[in-house]
PDB file of N, CA and C in Angstrom:
ATOM      1  N   MET A   1      -9.133 -20.633 -19.140  1.00  0.00           N
ATOM      2  CA  MET A   1      -7.740 -19.795 -18.487  1.00  0.00           C
ATOM      3  C   MET A   1      -6.674 -20.646 -18.477  1.00  0.00           C
ATOM      4  N   GLN A   2      -5.601 -20.084 -18.796  1.00  0.00           N
ATOM      5  CA  GLN A   2      -4.392 -20.746 -18.589  1.00  0.00           C
ATOM      6  C   GLN A   2      -3.637 -20.854 -17.397  1.00  0.00           C
ATOM      7  N   GLU A   3      -2.716 -21.810 -17.195  1.00  0.00           N
ATOM      8  CA  GLU A   3      -2.221 -22.166 -15.740  1.00  0.00           C
ATOM      9  C   GLU A   3      -1.784 -20.712 -15.086  1.00  0.00           C
ATOM     10  N   TYR A   4      -1.054 -19.903 -15.925  1.00  0.00           N
ATOM     11  CA  TYR A   4      -0.418 -18.746 -15.078  1.00  0.00           C
ATOM     12  C   TYR A   4      -1.295 -17.739 -15.039  1.00  0.00           C
ATOM     13  N   GLU A   5      -2.558 -17.549 -15.536  1.00  0.00           N
ATOM     14  CA  GLU A   5      -3.566 -16.833 -15.240  1.00  0.00           C
ATOM     15  C   GLU A   5      -4.280 -17.220 -14.087  1.00  0.00           C
ATOM     16  N   ILE A   6      -4.270 -18.465 -13.785  1.00  0.00           N
ATOM     17  CA  ILE A   6      -5.137 -19.005 -12.809  1.00  0.00           C
ATOM     18  C   ILE A   6      -3.916 -18.728 -11.351  1.00  0.00           C
ATOM     19  N   ILE A   7      -2.995 -19.228 -11.426  1.00  0.00           N
ATOM     20  CA  ILE A   7      -1.998 -19.118 -10.337  1.00  0.00           C
ATOM     21  C   ILE A   7      -1.304 -17.982 -10.620  1.00  0.00           C
ATOM     22  N   ARG A   8      -1.279 -16.830  -9.800  1.00  0.00           N
ATOM     23  CA  ARG A   8      -0.575 -15.600  -9.983  1.00  0.00           C
ATOM     24  C   ARG A   8       0.933 -15.711  -9.342  1.00  0.00           C
ATOM     25  N   TYR A   9       0.852 -15.732  -8.045  1.00  0.00           N
ATOM     26  CA  TYR A   9       2.237 -15.880  -7.222  1.00  0.00           C
ATOM     27  C   TYR A   9       1.934 -16.504  -6.113  1.00  0.00           C
ATOM     28  N   PRO A  10       3.042 -17.111  -5.475  1.00  0.00           N
ATOM     29  CA  PRO A  10       3.146 -17.714  -4.010  1.00  0.00           C
ATOM     30  C   PRO A  10       2.996 -16.552  -3.067  1.00  0.00           C
ATOM     31  N   VAL A  11       2.124 -16.711  -2.142  1.00  0.00           N
ATOM     32  CA  VAL A  11       2.254 -15.803  -0.936  1.00  0.00           C
ATOM     33  C   VAL A  11       3.020 -16.215   0.158  1.00  0.00           C
ATOM     34  N   ILE A  12       4.073 -15.575   0.201  1.00  0.00           N
ATOM     35  CA  ILE A  12       4.989 -16.009   1.155  1.00  0.00           C
ATOM     36  C   ILE A  12       5.397 -14.896   2.376  1.00  0.00           C
ATOM     37  N   THR A  13       4.498 -15.328   3.251  1.00  0.00           N
ATOM     38  CA  THR A  13       4.506 -14.351   4.717  1.00  0.00           C
ATOM     39  C   THR A  13       5.041 -15.135   5.822  1.00  0.00           C
ATOM     40  N   GLU A  14       5.116 -14.535   6.914  1.00  0.00           N
ATOM     41  CA  GLU A  14       5.801 -15.073   8.199  1.00  0.00           C
ATOM     42  C   GLU A  14       4.626 -16.176   8.697  1.00  0.00           C
ATOM     43  N   LYS A  15       3.358 -15.826   8.365  1.00  0.00           N
ATOM     44  CA  LYS A  15       2.159 -16.829   8.932  1.00  0.00           C
ATOM     45  C   LYS A  15       2.345 -17.741   8.119  1.00  0.00           C
ATOM     46  N   SER A  16       2.429 -17.785   6.586  1.00  0.00           N
ATOM     47  CA  SER A  16       2.218 -18.765   5.643  1.00  0.00           C
ATOM     48  C   SER A  16       3.315 -19.902   6.110  1.00  0.00           C
ATOM     49  N   THR A  17       4.652 -19.183   6.220  1.00  0.00           N
ATOM     50  CA  THR A  17       5.857 -20.308   6.268  1.00  0.00           C
ATOM     51  C   THR A  17       5.682 -20.949   7.775  1.00  0.00           C
ATOM     52  N   SER A  18       5.180 -20.127   8.814  1.00  0.00           N
ATOM     53  CA  SER A  18       5.499 -20.877  10.230  1.00  0.00           C
ATOM     54  C   SER A  18       4.331 -21.747  10.543  1.00  0.00           C
ATOM     55  N   ILE A  19       3.036 -21.483  10.000  1.00  0.00           N
ATOM     56  CA  ILE A  19       1.921 -22.460  10.282  1.00  0.00           C
ATOM     57  C   ILE A  19       1.609 -23.391   9.240  1.00  0.00           C
ATOM     58  N   PHE A  20       1.727 -23.114   8.042  1.00  0.00           N
ATOM     59  CA  PHE A  20       1.392 -24.032   7.093  1.00  0.00           C
ATOM     60  C   PHE A  20       2.444 -24.835   6.580  1.00  0.00           C
ATOM     61  N   GLY A  21       3.822 -24.409   6.897  1.00  0.00           N
ATOM     62  CA  GLY A  21       5.042 -25.273   6.462  1.00  0.00           C
ATOM     63  C   GLY A  21       5.195 -26.701   6.969  1.00  0.00           C
ATOM     64  N   PRO A  22       4.822 -26.723   8.383  1.00  0.00           N
ATOM     65  CA  PRO A  22       5.052 -28.279   8.827  1.00  0.00           C
ATOM     66  C   PRO A  22       3.712 -29.262   8.650  1.00  0.00           C
ATOM     67  N   GLU A  23       2.713 -28.347   8.169  1.00  0.00           N
ATOM     68  CA  GLU A  23       1.150 -29.033   7.711  1.00  0.00           C
ATOM     69  C   GLU A  23       1.541 -29.550   6.241  1.00  0.00           C
ATOM     70  N   ASN A  24       2.448 -29.236   5.633  1.00  0.00           N
ATOM     71  CA  ASN A  24       2.540 -29.385   4.096  1.00  0.00           C
ATOM     72  C   ASN A  24       1.328 -28.544   3.341  1.00  0.00           C
ATOM     73  N   LYS A  25       1.211 -27.403   3.577  1.00  0.00           N
ATOM     74  CA  LYS A  25       0.268 -26.384   2.958  1.00  0.00           C
ATOM     75  C   LYS A  25       0.947 -25.236   2.594  1.00  0.00           C
ATOM     76  N   TYR A  26       0.604 -24.696   1.257  1.00  0.00           N
ATOM     77  CA  TYR A  26       0.991 -23.767   0.651  1.00  0.00           C
ATOM     78  C   TYR A  26      -0.082 -22.628   0.268  1.00  0.00           C
ATOM     79  N   CYS A  27       0.322 -21.369   0.319  1.00  0.00           N
ATOM     80  CA  CYS A  27      -0.616 -20.089  -0.078  1.00  0.00           C
ATOM     81  C   CYS A  27       0.017 -19.821  -1.567  1.00  0.00           C
ATOM     82  N   PHE A  28      -1.221 -19.411  -2.341  1.00  0.00           N
ATOM     83  CA  PHE A  28      -1.032 -18.726  -3.589  1.00  0.00           C
ATOM     84  C   PHE A  28      -2.023 -17.765  -3.854  1.00  0.00           C
ATOM     85  N   ALA A  29      -1.726 -16.724  -4.436  1.00  0.00           N
ATOM     86  CA  ALA A  29      -2.662 -15.343  -4.865  1.00  0.00           C
ATOM     87  C   ALA A  29      -3.019 -16.335  -6.304  1.00  0.00           C
ATOM     88  N   VAL A  30      -4.519 -16.312  -6.539  1.00  0.00           N
ATOM     89  CA  VAL A  30      -5.099 -16.846  -7.674  1.00  0.00           C
ATOM     90  C   VAL A  30      -6.224 -15.915  -8.276  1.00  0.00           C
ATOM     91  N   GLY A  31      -6.155 -16.038  -9.520  1.00  0.00           N
ATOM     92  CA  GLY A  31      -7.130 -15.041 -10.250  1.00  0.00           C
ATOM     93  C   GLY A  31      -8.558 -15.037  -9.549  1.00  0.00           C
ATOM     94  N   LYS A  32      -9.186 -13.916  -9.895  1.00  0.00           N
ATOM     95  CA  LYS A  32     -10.544 -13.846  -9.366  1.00  0.00           C
ATOM     96  C   LYS A  32     -11.652 -14.752  -9.826  1.00  0.00           C
ATOM     97  N   LYS A  33     -11.562 -15.345 -10.911  1.00  0.00           N
ATOM     98  CA  LYS A  33     -12.686 -15.991 -11.660  1.00  0.00           C
ATOM     99  C   LYS A  33     -12.077 -17.586 -11.276  1.00  0.00           C
ATOM    100  N   ALA A  34     -11.081 -17.928 -10.759  1.00  0.00           N
ATOM    101  CA  ALA A  34     -10.551 -19.303 -10.687  1.00  0.00           C
ATOM    102  C   ALA A  34     -11.517 -19.991  -9.703  1.00  0.00           C
ATOM    103  N   ASN A  35     -11.691 -21.411  -9.982  1.00  0.00           N
ATOM    104  CA  ASN A  35     -12.576 -22.166  -9.109  1.00  0.00           C
ATOM    105  C   ASN A  35     -11.480 -23.116  -8.529  1.00  0.00           C
ATOM    106  N   LYS A  36     -12.117 -24.108  -7.662  1.00  0.00           N
ATOM    107  CA  LYS A  36     -11.096 -24.960  -7.029  1.00  0.00           C
ATOM    108  C   LYS A  36     -10.512 -25.887  -7.936  1.00  0.00           C
ATOM    109  N   GLN A  37     -11.469 -26.599  -8.719  1.00  0.00           N
ATOM    110  CA  GLN A  37     -10.973 -27.530  -9.806  1.00  0.00           C
ATOM    111  C   GLN A  37      -9.735 -27.270 -10.733  1.00  0.00           C
ATOM    112  N   GLU A  38     -10.019 -25.773 -11.210  1.00  0.00           N
ATOM    113  CA  GLU A  38      -9.011 -25.308 -12.023  1.00  0.00           C
ATOM    114  C   GLU A  38      -7.653 -24.956 -11.270  1.00  0.00           C
ATOM    115  N   ILE A  39      -7.663 -24.503 -10.019  1.00  0.00           N
ATOM    116  CA  ILE A  39      -6.549 -24.294  -9.281  1.00  0.00           C
ATOM    117  C   ILE A  39      -5.734 -25.604  -8.952  1.00  0.00           C
ATOM    118  N   ARG A  40      -6.410 -26.662  -8.640  1.00  0.00           N
ATOM    119  CA  ARG A  40      -5.977 -28.101  -8.480  1.00  0.00           C
ATOM    120  C   ARG A  40      -5.176 -28.569  -9.760  1.00  0.00           C
ATOM    121  N   LYS A  41      -5.769 -28.440 -10.738  1.00  0.00           N
ATOM    122  CA  LYS A  41      -5.262 -28.728 -12.116  1.00  0.00           C
ATOM    123  C   LYS A  41      -3.987 -28.058 -12.308  1.00  0.00           C
ATOM    124  N   ALA A  42      -4.046 -26.732 -12.242  1.00  0.00           N
ATOM    125  CA  ALA A  42      -2.995 -25.734 -12.347  1.00  0.00           C
ATOM    126  C   ALA A  42      -1.621 -26.131 -11.537  1.00  0.00           C
ATOM    127  N   ILE A  43      -2.030 -26.399 -10.311  1.00  0.00           N
ATOM    128  CA  ILE A  43      -0.975 -26.612  -9.429  1.00  0.00           C
ATOM    129  C   ILE A  43      -0.151 -27.961  -9.603  1.00  0.00           C
ATOM    130  N   GLU A  44      -1.005 -28.952 -10.119  1.00  0.00           N
ATOM    131  CA  GLU A  44      -0.540 -30.081 -10.367  1.00  0.00           C
ATOM    132  C   GLU A  44       0.371 -30.271 -11.660  1.00  0.00           C
ATOM    133  N   SER A  45      -0.055 -29.072 -12.705  1.00  0.00           N
ATOM    134  CA  SER A  45       0.657 -29.457 -13.829  1.00  0.00           C
ATOM    135  C   SER A  45       1.919 -28.606 -13.835  1.00  0.00           C
ATOM    136  N   ILE A  46       1.878 -27.389 -12.894  1.00  0.00           N
ATOM    137  CA  ILE A  46       3.114 -26.610 -12.896  1.00  0.00           C
ATOM    138  C   ILE A  46       4.403 -27.173 -12.108  1.00  0.00           C
ATOM    139  N   TYR A  47       3.592 -27.667 -10.746  1.00  0.00           N
ATOM    140  CA  TYR A  47       4.723 -28.052  -9.854  1.00  0.00           C
ATOM    141  C   TYR A  47       4.904 -29.611  -9.872  1.00  0.00           C
ATOM    142  N   LYS A  48       4.023 -30.453 -10.575  1.00  0.00           N
ATOM    143  CA  LYS A  48       4.333 -31.846 -10.457  1.00  0.00           C
ATOM    144  C   LYS A  48       4.173 -32.526  -9.310  1.00  0.00           C
ATOM    145  N   VAL A  49       3.244 -31.909  -8.545  1.00  0.00           N
ATOM    146  CA  VAL A  49       2.835 -32.579  -7.218  1.00  0.00           C
ATOM    147  C   VAL A  49       1.270 -33.081  -7.052  1.00  0.00           C
ATOM    148  N   THR A  50       0.933 -33.687  -5.989  1.00  0.00           N
ATOM    149  CA  THR A  50      -0.440 -34.136  -6.042  1.00  0.00           C
ATOM    150  C   THR A  50      -1.178 -33.281  -4.748  1.00  0.00           C
ATOM    151  N   VAL A  51      -2.396 -32.815  -5.383  1.00  0.00           N
ATOM    152  CA  VAL A  51      -3.011 -31.748  -4.430  1.00  0.00           C
ATOM    153  C   VAL A  51      -4.082 -32.732  -3.622  1.00  0.00           C
ATOM    154  N   LEU A  52      -4.078 -32.630  -2.428  1.00  0.00           N
ATOM    155  CA  LEU A  52      -5.265 -33.228  -1.655  1.00  0.00           C
ATOM    156  C   LEU A  52      -6.347 -32.295  -1.546  1.00  0.00           C
ATOM    157  N   LYS A  53      -6.045 -31.043  -1.103  1.00  0.00           N
ATOM    158  CA  LYS A  53      -7.114 -30.185  -0.783  1.00  0.00           C
ATOM    159  C   LYS A  53      -6.888 -28.809  -1.133  1.00  0.00           C
ATOM    160  N   VAL A  54      -7.812 -28.013  -1.425  1.00  0.00           N
ATOM    161  CA  VAL A  54      -7.753 -26.694  -2.013  1.00  0.00           C
ATOM    162  C   VAL A  54      -8.732 -25.729  -1.361  1.00  0.00           C
ATOM    163  N   ASN A  55      -8.291 -24.840  -0.444  1.00  0.00           N
ATOM    164  CA  ASN A  55      -9.256 -23.983   0.207  1.00  0.00           C
ATOM    165  C   ASN A  55      -9.075 -22.622  -0.350  1.00  0.00           C
ATOM    166  N   VAL A  56     -10.145 -21.730  -0.743  1.00  0.00           N
ATOM    167  CA  VAL A  56     -10.310 -20.412  -1.423  1.00  0.00           C
ATOM    168  C   VAL A  56     -10.716 -19.667  -0.476  1.00  0.00           C
ATOM    169  N   ILE A  57      -9.964 -18.347  -0.184  1.00  0.00           N
ATOM    170  CA  ILE A  57     -10.224 -17.209   0.542  1.00  0.00           C
ATOM    171  C   ILE A  57     -10.400 -16.000  -0.245  1.00  0.00           C
ATOM    172  N   LYS A  58     -11.646 -15.333  -0.028  1.00  0.00           N
ATOM    173  CA  LYS A  58     -11.556 -14.061  -0.641  1.00  0.00           C
ATOM    174  C   LYS A  58     -10.990 -12.691   0.066  1.00  0.00           C
ATOM    175  N   MET A  59     -10.179 -12.143  -0.328  1.00  0.00           N
ATOM    176  CA  MET A  59      -9.168 -11.245   0.457  1.00  0.00           C
ATOM    177  C   MET A  59      -9.902  -9.672   0.066  1.00  0.00           C
ATOM    178  N   SER A  60     -10.389  -9.039   0.769  1.00  0.00           N
ATOM    179  CA  SER A  60     -10.779  -7.696   0.583  1.00  0.00           C
ATOM    180  C   SER A  60      -9.518  -6.724   0.520  1.00  0.00           C
ATOM    181  N   GLY A  61     -10.023  -5.610  -0.365  1.00  0.00           N
ATOM    182  CA  GLY A  61      -8.917  -4.640  -0.539  1.00  0.00           C
ATOM    183  C   GLY A  61      -8.784  -3.566   0.786  1.00  0.00           C
ATOM    184  N   LYS A  62      -7.902  -2.987   0.890  1.00  0.00           N
ATOM    185  CA  LYS A  62      -7.700  -2.309   2.150  1.00  0.00           C
ATOM    186  C   LYS A  62      -7.780  -0.669   1.732  1.00  0.00           C
ATOM    187  N   LYS A  63      -8.300   0.263   2.502  1.00  0.00           N
ATOM    188  CA  LYS A  63      -8.171   1.678   2.426  1.00  0.00           C
ATOM    189  C   LYS A  63      -6.739   2.060   2.492  1.00  0.00           C
ATOM    190  N   ARG A  64      -6.300   3.169   1.590  1.00  0.00           N
ATOM    191  CA  ARG A  64      -5.318   3.649   1.660  1.00  0.00           C
ATOM    192  C   ARG A  64      -5.312   5.117   1.304  1.00  0.00           C
ATOM    193  N   LYS A  65      -4.428   5.842   2.052  1.00  0.00           N
ATOM    194  CA  LYS A  65      -4.499   7.387   1.746  1.00  0.00           C
ATOM    195  C   LYS A  65      -3.465   7.802   0.944  1.00  0.00           C
ATOM    196  N   VAL A  66      -3.563   8.440  -0.005  1.00  0.00           N
ATOM    197  CA  VAL A  66      -2.515   9.136  -0.895  1.00  0.00           C
ATOM    198  C   VAL A  66      -2.827  10.517  -1.046  1.00  0.00           C
ATOM    199  N   ARG A  67      -1.878  11.448  -0.156  1.00  0.00           N
ATOM    200  CA  ARG A  67      -1.984  12.809  -0.136  1.00  0.00           C
ATOM    201  C   ARG A  67      -3.385  12.936   0.506  1.00  0.00           C
ATOM    202  N   TYR A  68      -4.273  13.823  -0.042  1.00  0.00           N
ATOM    203  CA  TYR A  68      -5.466  14.093   0.508  1.00  0.00           C
ATOM    204  C   TYR A  68      -6.834  13.192  -0.029  1.00  0.00           C
ATOM    205  N   GLN A  69      -6.641  12.277  -0.576  1.00  0.00           N
ATOM    206  CA  GLN A  69      -7.510  11.491  -1.268  1.00  0.00           C
ATOM    207  C   GLN A  69      -7.501  10.006  -0.717  1.00  0.00           C
ATOM    208  N   VAL A  70      -8.605   9.322  -0.352  1.00  0.00           N
ATOM    209  CA  VAL A  70      -8.732   7.989  -0.030  1.00  0.00           C
ATOM    210  C   VAL A  70      -8.789   7.011  -1.188  1.00  0.00           C
ATOM    211  N   GLY A  71      -8.203   6.074  -1.175  1.00  0.00           N
ATOM    212  CA  GLY A  71      -8.518   5.057  -2.206  1.00  0.00           C
ATOM    213  C   GLY A  71      -8.289   3.515  -1.762  1.00  0.00           C
ATOM    214  N   ARG A  72      -8.491   2.733  -2.563  1.00  0.00           N
ATOM    215  CA  ARG A  72      -8.552   1.312  -2.276  1.00  0.00           C
ATOM    216  C   ARG A  72      -7.531   0.403  -2.965  1.00  0.00           C
ATOM    217  N   THR A  73      -6.941  -0.644  -2.383  1.00  0.00           N
ATOM    218  CA  THR A  73      -6.273  -1.394  -2.988  1.00  0.00           C
ATOM    219  C   THR A  73      -7.182  -2.571  -3.373  1.00  0.00           C
ATOM    220  N   PRO A  74      -7.006  -3.260  -4.583  1.00  0.00           N
ATOM    221  CA  PRO A  74      -7.906  -4.180  -5.103  1.00  0.00           C
ATOM    222  C   PRO A  74      -8.226  -5.441  -4.394  1.00  0.00           C
ATOM    223  N   ASP A  75      -9.399  -5.935  -4.402  1.00  0.00           N
ATOM    224  CA  ASP A  75      -9.865  -7.428  -3.891  1.00  0.00           C
ATOM    225  C   ASP A  75      -8.815  -8.505  -4.732  1.00  0.00           C
ATOM    226  N   TRP A  76      -8.667  -9.414  -3.901  1.00  0.00           N
ATOM    227  CA  TRP A  76      -7.808 -10.588  -4.362  1.00  0.00           C
ATOM    228  C   TRP A  76      -8.399 -11.783  -3.830  1.00  0.00           C
ATOM    229  N   LYS A  77      -7.851 -13.018  -4.530  1.00  0.00           N
ATOM    230  CA  LYS A  77      -8.318 -14.229  -3.912  1.00  0.00           C
ATOM    231  C   LYS A  77      -7.089 -15.056  -3.592  1.00  0.00           C
ATOM    232  N   LYS A  78      -7.101 -15.747  -2.587  1.00  0.00           N
ATOM    233  CA  LYS A  78      -6.159 -16.694  -1.927  1.00  0.00           C
ATOM    234  C   LYS A  78      -6.449 -18.157  -1.976  1.00  0.00           C
ATOM    235  N   ALA A  79      -5.641 -19.064  -2.318  1.00  0.00           N
ATOM    236  CA  ALA A  79      -5.737 -20.227  -2.238  1.00  0.00           C
ATOM    237  C   ALA A  79      -4.788 -21.046  -1.116  1.00  0.00           C
ATOM    238  N   VAL A  80      -5.451 -21.822  -0.128  1.00  0.00           N
ATOM    239  CA  VAL A  80      -4.383 -22.551   0.407  1.00  0.00           C
ATOM    240  C   VAL A  80      -4.378 -24.119   0.017  1.00  0.00           C
ATOM    241  N   ILE A  81      -3.164 -24.481  -0.371  1.00  0.00           N
ATOM    242  CA  ILE A  81      -3.360 -25.789  -0.945  1.00  0.00           C
ATOM    243  C   ILE A  81      -2.573 -26.789  -0.068  1.00  0.00           C
ATOM    244  N   THR A  82      -3.397 -28.030   0.172  1.00  0.00           N
ATOM    245  CA  THR A  82      -2.618 -29.085   0.971  1.00  0.00           C
ATOM    246  C   THR A  82      -2.213 -30.234   0.060  1.00  0.00           C
ATOM    247  N   LEU A  83      -0.777 -30.597   0.029  1.00  0.00           N
ATOM    248  CA  LEU A  83      -0.052 -31.536  -0.679  1.00  0.00           C
ATOM    249  C   LEU A  83      -0.097 -32.797  -0.129  1.00  0.00           C
ATOM    250  N   LYS A  84      -0.126 -33.996  -0.913  1.00  0.00           N
ATOM    251  CA  LYS A  84      -0.062 -35.032  -0.507  1.00  0.00           C
ATOM    252  C   LYS A  84       1.339 -35.322   0.497  1.00  0.00           C
ATOM    253  N   GLU A  85       1.368 -36.388   1.348  1.00  0.00           N
ATOM    254  CA  GLU A  85       2.506 -36.526   2.345  1.00  0.00           C
ATOM    255  C   GLU A  85       3.710 -36.914   1.400  1.00  0.00           C
ATOM    256  N   GLY A  86       4.874 -36.120   1.607  1.00  0.00           N
ATOM    257  CA  GLY A  86       6.085 -36.559   1.056  1.00  0.00           C
ATOM    258  C   GLY A  86       6.416 -35.220  -0.473  1.00  0.00           C
ATOM    259  N   ASP A  87       5.288 -34.775  -0.763  1.00  0.00           N
ATOM    260  CA  ASP A  87       5.350 -33.781  -1.975  1.00  0.00           C
ATOM    261  C   ASP A  87       6.006 -32.504  -1.357  1.00  0.00           C
ATOM    262  N   LYS A  88       6.499 -31.793  -2.040  1.00  0.00           N
ATOM    263  CA  LYS A  88       7.184 -30.491  -1.597  1.00  0.00           C
ATOM    264  C   LYS A  88       7.089 -29.395  -2.729  1.00  0.00           C
ATOM    265  N   ILE A  89       7.075 -28.175  -2.622  1.00  0.00           N
ATOM    266  CA  ILE A  89       7.093 -27.145  -3.534  1.00  0.00           C
ATOM    267  C   ILE A  89       8.432 -26.456  -3.024  1.00  0.00           C
ATOM    268  N   ASP A  90       9.386 -26.246  -4.186  1.00  0.00           N
ATOM    269  CA  ASP A  90      10.643 -25.491  -3.653  1.00  0.00           C
ATOM    270  C   ASP A  90      10.522 -23.987  -4.516  1.00  0.00           C
ATOM    271  N   PHE A  91      10.423 -22.866  -3.689  1.00  0.00           N
ATOM    272  CA  PHE A  91      10.237 -21.748  -4.302  1.00  0.00           C
ATOM    273  C   PHE A  91      11.669 -21.052  -4.850  1.00  0.00           C
ATOM    274  N   ALA A  92      12.711 -21.551  -4.260  1.00  0.00           N
ATOM    275  CA  ALA A  92      14.136 -21.105  -4.525  1.00  0.00           C
ATOM    276  C   ALA A  92      14.364 -21.078  -5.962  1.00  0.00           C
TER     277      ALA A  92
END
C-alpha cells in the first residue's frame, strides 16, 4: 500500500484537539487493511516526525435514515499517533 492509501485524512474534532493536543497525540483516519507498522512508516515519511506509539480503533458505521429506507454509513479505522517530545504536525 502507498502512504496516502494508508493515511486517508486527519480527524480534527473538538475532542481530538482538546484532549490529545496537550499530550502530543494526533488522530488520523486510516485504510481498513493498514496495520500499526505501516501506519508508523507512513506518518514518519509524510510528516518527517518520530512516532513513539500507534493505537488503532475500529469505528463502526452508524444507521442513517434516508426517506423511508434505513441505511448504514461504512465502517472505518482510526489511528491515534503519539509523537516524540518536541515534534509537531501542522495541518494549516
